[in-house]
Amino acid sequence: MTTDAATVTYAERLTIPWWAWPLGLAGGGLVGVEIWMGAGGVRAWAPFAVILPLALALMFWVGRLRVAVTGSEFQVDDARLPLSAIGEVVALDAAGKREALGVGSHPLAFVIQRPWIGGAVQVVLDDPADPTPFWVISSRHPVELATALRESAAR
């Protein structure tokens, strides 16, 4: 993320929970055992030497996503939203997130959703040139993120 650290008002990394690491490794081990199937030679160790590091890399990649509010924009991974385009910001709990992604969803909405994170923030856009009606972004601290977005957009 290329931002000036002095202008960041909120930052969060959407990492996977601790219990997903053993589950991911167990799943990778199970796939390795299925490929091995009691064979000898290279098939005895190669599946584990390839699959387990791939499982670790996949879990690291899934948990790498960053959310930040700077002085001029809202950053979610590679996506950037100028603060001037923000109309309304709503902090959502798990039920609100479920509704925003279910009945209240829109096919053109920008969604970054992590199922292991209960809360989210819905950012309604105020830009007639943008066909995206709103963003829904998972957050472990939706109230703090919504507050940071509102305060930064007001400046």
N, C-alpha and C. Protein backbone atom coordinates (compact mmCIF):
# COMPACT_ATOMS: atom_id res chain seq x y z
N MET A 1 0.85 -1.16 0.00
CA MET A 1 0.00 0.00 0.00
C MET A 1 0.90 1.23 0.00
N THR A 2 0.71 2.09 -0.94
CA THR A 2 1.56 3.27 -1.06
C THR A 2 0.81 4.49 -0.55
N THR A 3 0.89 4.71 0.75
CA THR A 3 0.25 5.89 1.33
C THR A 3 1.24 6.57 2.25
N ASP A 4 0.99 7.82 2.49
CA ASP A 4 1.78 8.55 3.45
C ASP A 4 1.28 8.18 4.84
N ALA A 5 2.15 7.62 5.67
CA ALA A 5 1.75 7.12 6.99
C ALA A 5 1.17 8.24 7.86
N ALA A 6 1.55 9.47 7.64
CA ALA A 6 1.05 10.58 8.47
C ALA A 6 -0.40 10.90 8.16
N THR A 7 -0.89 10.57 6.98
CA THR A 7 -2.26 10.91 6.61
C THR A 7 -3.25 9.77 6.82
N VAL A 8 -2.81 8.61 7.25
CA VAL A 8 -3.71 7.48 7.46
C VAL A 8 -4.48 7.69 8.76
N THR A 9 -5.82 7.78 8.66
CA THR A 9 -6.65 7.97 9.85
C THR A 9 -7.22 6.65 10.35
N TYR A 10 -7.27 5.65 9.51
CA TYR A 10 -7.76 4.33 9.91
C TYR A 10 -7.08 3.30 9.02
N ALA A 11 -6.66 2.19 9.63
CA ALA A 11 -6.05 1.09 8.86
C ALA A 11 -6.41 -0.23 9.52
N GLU A 12 -6.69 -1.21 8.70
CA GLU A 12 -7.07 -2.53 9.19
C GLU A 12 -6.65 -3.57 8.16
N ARG A 13 -6.24 -4.72 8.63
CA ARG A 13 -5.91 -5.83 7.75
C ARG A 13 -6.90 -6.94 8.01
N LEU A 14 -7.55 -7.43 6.95
CA LEU A 14 -8.59 -8.45 7.08
C LEU A 14 -7.96 -9.84 7.04
N THR A 15 -7.24 -10.17 8.10
CA THR A 15 -6.56 -11.46 8.17
C THR A 15 -7.55 -12.58 8.49
N ILE A 16 -7.13 -13.80 8.19
CA ILE A 16 -7.97 -14.94 8.54
C ILE A 16 -7.77 -15.25 10.02
N PRO A 17 -8.77 -15.86 10.66
CA PRO A 17 -8.64 -16.15 12.09
C PRO A 17 -7.61 -17.24 12.36
N TRP A 18 -7.15 -17.31 13.60
CA TRP A 18 -6.10 -18.26 13.97
C TRP A 18 -6.51 -19.70 13.70
N TRP A 19 -7.79 -20.03 13.90
CA TRP A 19 -8.22 -21.41 13.75
C TRP A 19 -8.27 -21.87 12.29
N ALA A 20 -8.19 -20.95 11.35
CA ALA A 20 -8.20 -21.33 9.93
C ALA A 20 -6.85 -21.90 9.49
N TRP A 21 -5.77 -21.50 10.17
CA TRP A 21 -4.45 -22.01 9.80
C TRP A 21 -4.34 -23.52 10.01
N PRO A 22 -4.69 -24.07 11.19
CA PRO A 22 -4.64 -25.53 11.33
C PRO A 22 -5.61 -26.26 10.40
N LEU A 23 -6.79 -25.66 10.17
CA LEU A 23 -7.75 -26.28 9.26
C LEU A 23 -7.22 -26.32 7.83
N GLY A 24 -6.59 -25.23 7.40
CA GLY A 24 -6.01 -25.20 6.05
C GLY A 24 -4.88 -26.20 5.89
N LEU A 25 -4.04 -26.30 6.91
CA LEU A 25 -2.96 -27.29 6.85
C LEU A 25 -3.50 -28.71 6.88
N ALA A 26 -4.54 -28.95 7.68
CA ALA A 26 -5.16 -30.28 7.72
C ALA A 26 -5.78 -30.62 6.36
N GLY A 27 -6.42 -29.64 5.74
CA GLY A 27 -6.97 -29.87 4.40
C GLY A 27 -5.88 -30.16 3.38
N GLY A 28 -4.78 -29.40 3.45
CA GLY A 28 -3.65 -29.67 2.55
C GLY A 28 -3.05 -31.04 2.80
N GLY A 29 -2.95 -31.43 4.09
CA GLY A 29 -2.44 -32.77 4.42
C GLY A 29 -3.36 -33.85 3.89
N LEU A 30 -4.68 -33.64 3.97
CA LEU A 30 -5.64 -34.61 3.45
C LEU A 30 -5.49 -34.77 1.93
N VAL A 31 -5.32 -33.67 1.23
CA VAL A 31 -5.11 -33.74 -0.23
C VAL A 31 -3.80 -34.46 -0.52
N GLY A 32 -2.75 -34.19 0.27
CA GLY A 32 -1.48 -34.88 0.09
C GLY A 32 -1.61 -36.38 0.31
N VAL A 33 -2.37 -36.78 1.32
CA VAL A 33 -2.59 -38.21 1.58
C VAL A 33 -3.37 -38.85 0.44
N GLU A 34 -4.35 -38.13 -0.12
CA GLU A 34 -5.12 -38.67 -1.25
C GLU A 34 -4.24 -38.88 -2.49
N ILE A 35 -3.29 -37.98 -2.69
CA ILE A 35 -2.39 -38.15 -3.84
C ILE A 35 -1.38 -39.26 -3.56
N TRP A 36 -0.90 -39.34 -2.33
CA TRP A 36 0.10 -40.35 -1.95
C TRP A 36 -0.47 -41.75 -2.06
N MET A 37 -1.58 -42.01 -1.40
CA MET A 37 -2.30 -43.30 -1.42
C MET A 37 -1.37 -44.51 -1.21
N GLY A 38 -0.37 -44.37 -0.36
CA GLY A 38 0.49 -45.51 0.00
C GLY A 38 1.59 -45.82 -0.99
N ALA A 39 1.75 -45.00 -2.00
CA ALA A 39 2.78 -45.26 -3.02
C ALA A 39 4.15 -44.96 -2.44
N GLY A 40 5.17 -45.52 -3.03
CA GLY A 40 6.53 -45.27 -2.59
C GLY A 40 7.23 -44.29 -3.51
N GLY A 41 8.49 -44.05 -3.23
CA GLY A 41 9.30 -43.17 -4.08
C GLY A 41 8.91 -41.72 -3.94
N VAL A 42 8.92 -41.02 -5.06
CA VAL A 42 8.63 -39.59 -5.08
C VAL A 42 7.19 -39.30 -4.65
N ARG A 43 6.27 -40.20 -4.98
CA ARG A 43 4.85 -39.98 -4.60
C ARG A 43 4.65 -40.06 -3.10
N ALA A 44 5.64 -40.53 -2.35
CA ALA A 44 5.50 -40.60 -0.90
C ALA A 44 5.74 -39.24 -0.24
N TRP A 45 6.57 -38.39 -0.81
CA TRP A 45 6.88 -37.11 -0.17
C TRP A 45 6.54 -35.89 -1.01
N ALA A 46 6.50 -36.02 -2.33
CA ALA A 46 6.27 -34.85 -3.21
C ALA A 46 4.91 -34.18 -2.98
N PRO A 47 3.82 -34.94 -2.80
CA PRO A 47 2.54 -34.24 -2.58
C PRO A 47 2.57 -33.33 -1.35
N PHE A 48 3.21 -33.79 -0.28
CA PHE A 48 3.28 -32.99 0.94
C PHE A 48 4.22 -31.79 0.76
N ALA A 49 5.30 -31.99 0.01
CA ALA A 49 6.26 -30.91 -0.21
C ALA A 49 5.69 -29.82 -1.11
N VAL A 50 4.68 -30.16 -1.91
CA VAL A 50 4.07 -29.17 -2.80
C VAL A 50 2.77 -28.61 -2.22
N ILE A 51 1.90 -29.49 -1.75
CA ILE A 51 0.56 -29.07 -1.32
C ILE A 51 0.59 -28.24 -0.03
N LEU A 52 1.38 -28.64 0.96
CA LEU A 52 1.39 -27.90 2.23
C LEU A 52 1.90 -26.47 2.08
N PRO A 53 3.01 -26.21 1.36
CA PRO A 53 3.39 -24.81 1.13
C PRO A 53 2.35 -24.04 0.32
N LEU A 54 1.70 -24.72 -0.64
CA LEU A 54 0.64 -24.04 -1.40
C LEU A 54 -0.54 -23.67 -0.49
N ALA A 55 -0.89 -24.55 0.44
CA ALA A 55 -1.98 -24.24 1.38
C ALA A 55 -1.61 -23.04 2.24
N LEU A 56 -0.36 -23.00 2.74
CA LEU A 56 0.08 -21.85 3.53
C LEU A 56 0.06 -20.56 2.71
N ALA A 57 0.54 -20.64 1.47
CA ALA A 57 0.56 -19.45 0.60
C ALA A 57 -0.86 -18.97 0.30
N LEU A 58 -1.79 -19.89 0.09
CA LEU A 58 -3.17 -19.51 -0.17
C LEU A 58 -3.80 -18.82 1.03
N MET A 59 -3.56 -19.35 2.23
CA MET A 59 -4.11 -18.73 3.43
C MET A 59 -3.50 -17.34 3.67
N PHE A 60 -2.22 -17.20 3.42
CA PHE A 60 -1.58 -15.89 3.56
C PHE A 60 -2.16 -14.91 2.55
N TRP A 61 -2.37 -15.36 1.30
CA TRP A 61 -2.90 -14.50 0.25
C TRP A 61 -4.33 -14.05 0.57
N VAL A 62 -5.15 -14.96 1.10
CA VAL A 62 -6.53 -14.61 1.44
C VAL A 62 -6.58 -13.58 2.56
N GLY A 63 -5.63 -13.63 3.49
CA GLY A 63 -5.63 -12.72 4.62
C GLY A 63 -4.78 -11.48 4.44
N ARG A 64 -4.38 -11.14 3.23
CA ARG A 64 -3.49 -10.01 3.00
C ARG A 64 -4.22 -8.69 2.78
N LEU A 65 -5.52 -8.70 2.64
CA LEU A 65 -6.29 -7.53 2.25
C LEU A 65 -6.21 -6.42 3.30
N ARG A 66 -5.97 -5.20 2.84
CA ARG A 66 -5.86 -4.03 3.72
C ARG A 66 -6.96 -3.02 3.41
N VAL A 67 -7.47 -2.42 4.48
CA VAL A 67 -8.48 -1.36 4.38
C VAL A 67 -7.89 -0.14 5.07
N ALA A 68 -7.93 1.02 4.40
CA ALA A 68 -7.36 2.23 5.00
C ALA A 68 -8.15 3.46 4.57
N VAL A 69 -8.17 4.43 5.47
CA VAL A 69 -8.75 5.75 5.17
C VAL A 69 -7.61 6.74 5.29
N THR A 70 -7.32 7.44 4.20
CA THR A 70 -6.27 8.46 4.22
C THR A 70 -6.93 9.83 4.14
N GLY A 71 -6.11 10.84 4.01
CA GLY A 71 -6.64 12.20 3.93
C GLY A 71 -7.43 12.48 2.68
N SER A 72 -7.24 11.68 1.63
CA SER A 72 -7.92 11.98 0.37
C SER A 72 -8.75 10.84 -0.21
N GLU A 73 -8.55 9.59 0.30
CA GLU A 73 -9.27 8.48 -0.31
C GLU A 73 -9.49 7.32 0.66
N PHE A 74 -10.43 6.47 0.26
CA PHE A 74 -10.73 5.23 0.96
C PHE A 74 -10.11 4.12 0.14
N GLN A 75 -9.21 3.36 0.75
CA GLN A 75 -8.46 2.33 0.03
C GLN A 75 -8.85 0.95 0.55
N VAL A 76 -9.23 0.09 -0.38
CA VAL A 76 -9.53 -1.30 -0.06
C VAL A 76 -8.73 -2.14 -1.05
N ASP A 77 -7.64 -2.72 -0.56
CA ASP A 77 -6.70 -3.47 -1.40
C ASP A 77 -6.23 -2.55 -2.54
N ASP A 78 -6.55 -2.85 -3.78
CA ASP A 78 -6.13 -2.02 -4.91
C ASP A 78 -7.18 -0.98 -5.31
N ALA A 79 -8.37 -1.08 -4.76
CA ALA A 79 -9.45 -0.15 -5.11
C ALA A 79 -9.29 1.15 -4.33
N ARG A 80 -9.57 2.25 -5.00
CA ARG A 80 -9.46 3.58 -4.40
C ARG A 80 -10.76 4.35 -4.64
N LEU A 81 -11.25 4.98 -3.58
CA LEU A 81 -12.45 5.79 -3.68
C LEU A 81 -12.15 7.16 -3.11
N PRO A 82 -12.23 8.21 -3.94
CA PRO A 82 -12.01 9.56 -3.40
C PRO A 82 -13.06 9.88 -2.34
N LEU A 83 -12.63 10.54 -1.27
CA LEU A 83 -13.56 10.87 -0.19
C LEU A 83 -14.65 11.82 -0.65
N SER A 84 -14.40 12.57 -1.70
CA SER A 84 -15.41 13.50 -2.22
C SER A 84 -16.59 12.76 -2.85
N ALA A 85 -16.42 11.48 -3.18
CA ALA A 85 -17.50 10.69 -3.80
C ALA A 85 -18.38 9.99 -2.78
N ILE A 86 -18.07 10.13 -1.50
CA ILE A 86 -18.83 9.45 -0.46
C ILE A 86 -20.05 10.26 -0.09
N GLY A 87 -21.22 9.61 -0.15
CA GLY A 87 -22.46 10.27 0.22
C GLY A 87 -22.86 9.96 1.64
N GLU A 88 -23.03 8.68 1.95
CA GLU A 88 -23.47 8.26 3.28
C GLU A 88 -22.67 7.02 3.68
N VAL A 89 -22.41 6.89 4.97
CA VAL A 89 -21.65 5.76 5.49
C VAL A 89 -22.46 5.12 6.61
N VAL A 90 -22.66 3.81 6.52
CA VAL A 90 -23.45 3.09 7.51
C VAL A 90 -22.63 1.92 8.04
N ALA A 91 -22.47 1.85 9.36
CA ALA A 91 -21.82 0.70 9.99
C ALA A 91 -22.85 -0.42 10.11
N LEU A 92 -22.48 -1.62 9.69
CA LEU A 92 -23.40 -2.76 9.69
C LEU A 92 -22.92 -3.84 10.65
N ASP A 93 -23.85 -4.39 11.41
CA ASP A 93 -23.53 -5.56 12.20
C ASP A 93 -23.73 -6.79 11.31
N ALA A 94 -23.65 -7.99 11.88
CA ALA A 94 -23.75 -9.21 11.08
C ALA A 94 -25.10 -9.30 10.35
N ALA A 95 -26.19 -8.94 11.03
CA ALA A 95 -27.51 -9.00 10.39
C ALA A 95 -27.63 -7.95 9.29
N GLY A 96 -27.12 -6.76 9.53
CA GLY A 96 -27.15 -5.71 8.51
C GLY A 96 -26.31 -6.07 7.30
N LYS A 97 -25.17 -6.70 7.55
CA LYS A 97 -24.31 -7.14 6.45
C LYS A 97 -25.02 -8.21 5.61
N ARG A 98 -25.69 -9.13 6.30
CA ARG A 98 -26.42 -10.18 5.60
C ARG A 98 -27.53 -9.58 4.73
N GLU A 99 -28.21 -8.56 5.25
CA GLU A 99 -29.26 -7.92 4.47
C GLU A 99 -28.70 -7.13 3.30
N ALA A 100 -27.59 -6.42 3.52
CA ALA A 100 -26.99 -5.62 2.45
C ALA A 100 -26.45 -6.50 1.33
N LEU A 101 -26.03 -7.71 1.66
CA LEU A 101 -25.51 -8.63 0.65
C LEU A 101 -26.58 -9.57 0.12
N GLY A 102 -27.76 -9.55 0.73
CA GLY A 102 -28.85 -10.42 0.31
C GLY A 102 -29.94 -9.65 -0.39
N VAL A 103 -31.00 -9.34 0.38
CA VAL A 103 -32.16 -8.65 -0.20
C VAL A 103 -31.83 -7.24 -0.65
N GLY A 104 -30.96 -6.55 0.08
CA GLY A 104 -30.65 -5.17 -0.25
C GLY A 104 -29.49 -5.00 -1.21
N SER A 105 -29.07 -6.09 -1.84
CA SER A 105 -27.90 -6.00 -2.71
C SER A 105 -28.25 -5.39 -4.07
N HIS A 106 -27.23 -5.04 -4.78
CA HIS A 106 -27.37 -4.46 -6.12
C HIS A 106 -26.30 -5.11 -6.99
N PRO A 107 -26.62 -5.46 -8.24
CA PRO A 107 -25.63 -6.17 -9.07
C PRO A 107 -24.38 -5.34 -9.39
N LEU A 108 -24.44 -4.03 -9.29
CA LEU A 108 -23.28 -3.21 -9.59
C LEU A 108 -22.52 -2.76 -8.35
N ALA A 109 -22.94 -3.23 -7.18
CA ALA A 109 -22.27 -2.84 -5.94
C ALA A 109 -20.86 -3.44 -5.89
N PHE A 110 -19.95 -2.70 -5.27
CA PHE A 110 -18.58 -3.17 -5.06
C PHE A 110 -18.54 -3.82 -3.69
N VAL A 111 -18.21 -5.10 -3.64
CA VAL A 111 -18.26 -5.86 -2.39
C VAL A 111 -16.93 -6.54 -2.13
N ILE A 112 -16.38 -6.29 -0.96
CA ILE A 112 -15.24 -7.04 -0.44
C ILE A 112 -15.73 -7.65 0.86
N GLN A 113 -16.03 -8.92 0.82
CA GLN A 113 -16.69 -9.59 1.94
C GLN A 113 -15.84 -10.76 2.40
N ARG A 114 -15.63 -10.83 3.69
CA ARG A 114 -14.93 -11.96 4.31
C ARG A 114 -15.92 -12.64 5.24
N PRO A 115 -16.25 -13.91 5.00
CA PRO A 115 -17.29 -14.56 5.79
C PRO A 115 -16.96 -14.72 7.26
N TRP A 116 -15.68 -14.72 7.62
CA TRP A 116 -15.30 -14.89 9.02
C TRP A 116 -15.32 -13.57 9.79
N ILE A 117 -15.65 -12.48 9.12
CA ILE A 117 -15.74 -11.17 9.77
C ILE A 117 -17.22 -10.77 9.78
N GLY A 118 -17.78 -10.58 10.97
CA GLY A 118 -19.21 -10.33 11.09
C GLY A 118 -19.66 -8.96 10.61
N GLY A 119 -18.92 -7.92 10.96
CA GLY A 119 -19.35 -6.56 10.64
C GLY A 119 -18.92 -6.10 9.26
N ALA A 120 -19.49 -4.97 8.86
CA ALA A 120 -19.14 -4.37 7.57
C ALA A 120 -19.52 -2.91 7.58
N VAL A 121 -19.11 -2.22 6.54
CA VAL A 121 -19.47 -0.81 6.35
C VAL A 121 -20.05 -0.68 4.95
N GLN A 122 -21.18 0.01 4.86
CA GLN A 122 -21.77 0.30 3.56
C GLN A 122 -21.53 1.77 3.26
N VAL A 123 -20.88 2.03 2.13
CA VAL A 123 -20.56 3.39 1.71
C VAL A 123 -21.38 3.69 0.47
N VAL A 124 -22.36 4.58 0.62
CA VAL A 124 -23.21 4.98 -0.50
C VAL A 124 -22.48 6.08 -1.26
N LEU A 125 -22.39 5.93 -2.59
CA LEU A 125 -21.64 6.89 -3.40
C LEU A 125 -22.53 8.04 -3.85
N ASP A 126 -21.91 9.21 -3.95
CA ASP A 126 -22.57 10.42 -4.40
C ASP A 126 -21.83 10.93 -5.64
N ASP A 127 -21.77 10.08 -6.65
CA ASP A 127 -21.06 10.42 -7.88
C ASP A 127 -21.92 9.99 -9.06
N PRO A 128 -22.57 10.92 -9.75
CA PRO A 128 -23.45 10.56 -10.86
C PRO A 128 -22.72 9.88 -12.02
N ALA A 129 -21.42 10.09 -12.14
CA ALA A 129 -20.68 9.48 -13.24
C ALA A 129 -20.32 8.01 -12.96
N ASP A 130 -20.44 7.59 -11.72
CA ASP A 130 -20.06 6.22 -11.34
C ASP A 130 -21.32 5.36 -11.26
N PRO A 131 -21.38 4.24 -12.01
CA PRO A 131 -22.57 3.38 -11.96
C PRO A 131 -22.67 2.55 -10.68
N THR A 132 -21.61 2.52 -9.89
CA THR A 132 -21.61 1.75 -8.64
C THR A 132 -22.45 2.48 -7.60
N PRO A 133 -23.53 1.85 -7.10
CA PRO A 133 -24.38 2.56 -6.13
C PRO A 133 -23.76 2.64 -4.74
N PHE A 134 -23.05 1.59 -4.31
CA PHE A 134 -22.46 1.58 -2.98
C PHE A 134 -21.36 0.54 -2.89
N TRP A 135 -20.56 0.67 -1.85
CA TRP A 135 -19.53 -0.31 -1.50
C TRP A 135 -19.95 -0.98 -0.20
N VAL A 136 -19.73 -2.28 -0.10
CA VAL A 136 -19.89 -3.01 1.17
C VAL A 136 -18.55 -3.66 1.46
N ILE A 137 -17.92 -3.26 2.56
CA ILE A 137 -16.58 -3.71 2.92
C ILE A 137 -16.62 -4.34 4.30
N SER A 138 -16.15 -5.57 4.43
CA SER A 138 -16.07 -6.22 5.74
C SER A 138 -15.09 -5.47 6.63
N SER A 139 -15.41 -5.44 7.93
CA SER A 139 -14.54 -4.78 8.89
C SER A 139 -14.78 -5.37 10.28
N ARG A 140 -13.69 -5.58 11.00
CA ARG A 140 -13.82 -6.04 12.38
C ARG A 140 -14.28 -4.90 13.30
N HIS A 141 -14.06 -3.67 12.87
CA HIS A 141 -14.43 -2.49 13.66
C HIS A 141 -15.24 -1.54 12.77
N PRO A 142 -16.48 -1.92 12.42
CA PRO A 142 -17.25 -1.10 11.48
C PRO A 142 -17.59 0.30 11.98
N VAL A 143 -17.81 0.45 13.27
CA VAL A 143 -18.15 1.78 13.80
C VAL A 143 -16.95 2.72 13.67
N GLU A 144 -15.75 2.22 14.01
CA GLU A 144 -14.54 3.05 13.90
C GLU A 144 -14.25 3.41 12.44
N LEU A 145 -14.43 2.44 11.54
CA LEU A 145 -14.20 2.71 10.12
C LEU A 145 -15.20 3.72 9.59
N ALA A 146 -16.46 3.57 9.95
CA ALA A 146 -17.50 4.51 9.50
C ALA A 146 -17.23 5.91 10.04
N THR A 147 -16.80 5.99 11.29
CA THR A 147 -16.48 7.29 11.88
C THR A 147 -15.31 7.95 11.17
N ALA A 148 -14.27 7.16 10.89
CA ALA A 148 -13.11 7.70 10.18
C ALA A 148 -13.49 8.17 8.79
N LEU A 149 -14.34 7.42 8.10
CA LEU A 149 -14.79 7.83 6.75
C LEU A 149 -15.60 9.13 6.82
N ARG A 150 -16.52 9.21 7.77
CA ARG A 150 -17.35 10.42 7.89
C ARG A 150 -16.51 11.64 8.21
N GLU A 151 -15.59 11.49 9.17
CA GLU A 151 -14.75 12.63 9.56
C GLU A 151 -13.83 13.06 8.44
N SER A 152 -13.22 12.10 7.74
CA SER A 152 -12.32 12.44 6.65
C SER A 152 -13.07 13.05 5.48
N ALA A 153 -14.27 12.57 5.19
CA ALA A 153 -15.06 13.11 4.07
C ALA A 153 -15.57 14.51 4.41
N ALA A 154 -15.81 14.79 5.67
CA ALA A 154 -16.30 16.11 6.07
C ALA A 154 -15.23 17.19 5.93
N ARG A 155 -13.96 16.79 6.04
CA ARG A 155 -12.87 17.77 5.90
C ARG A 155 -12.66 18.20 4.49
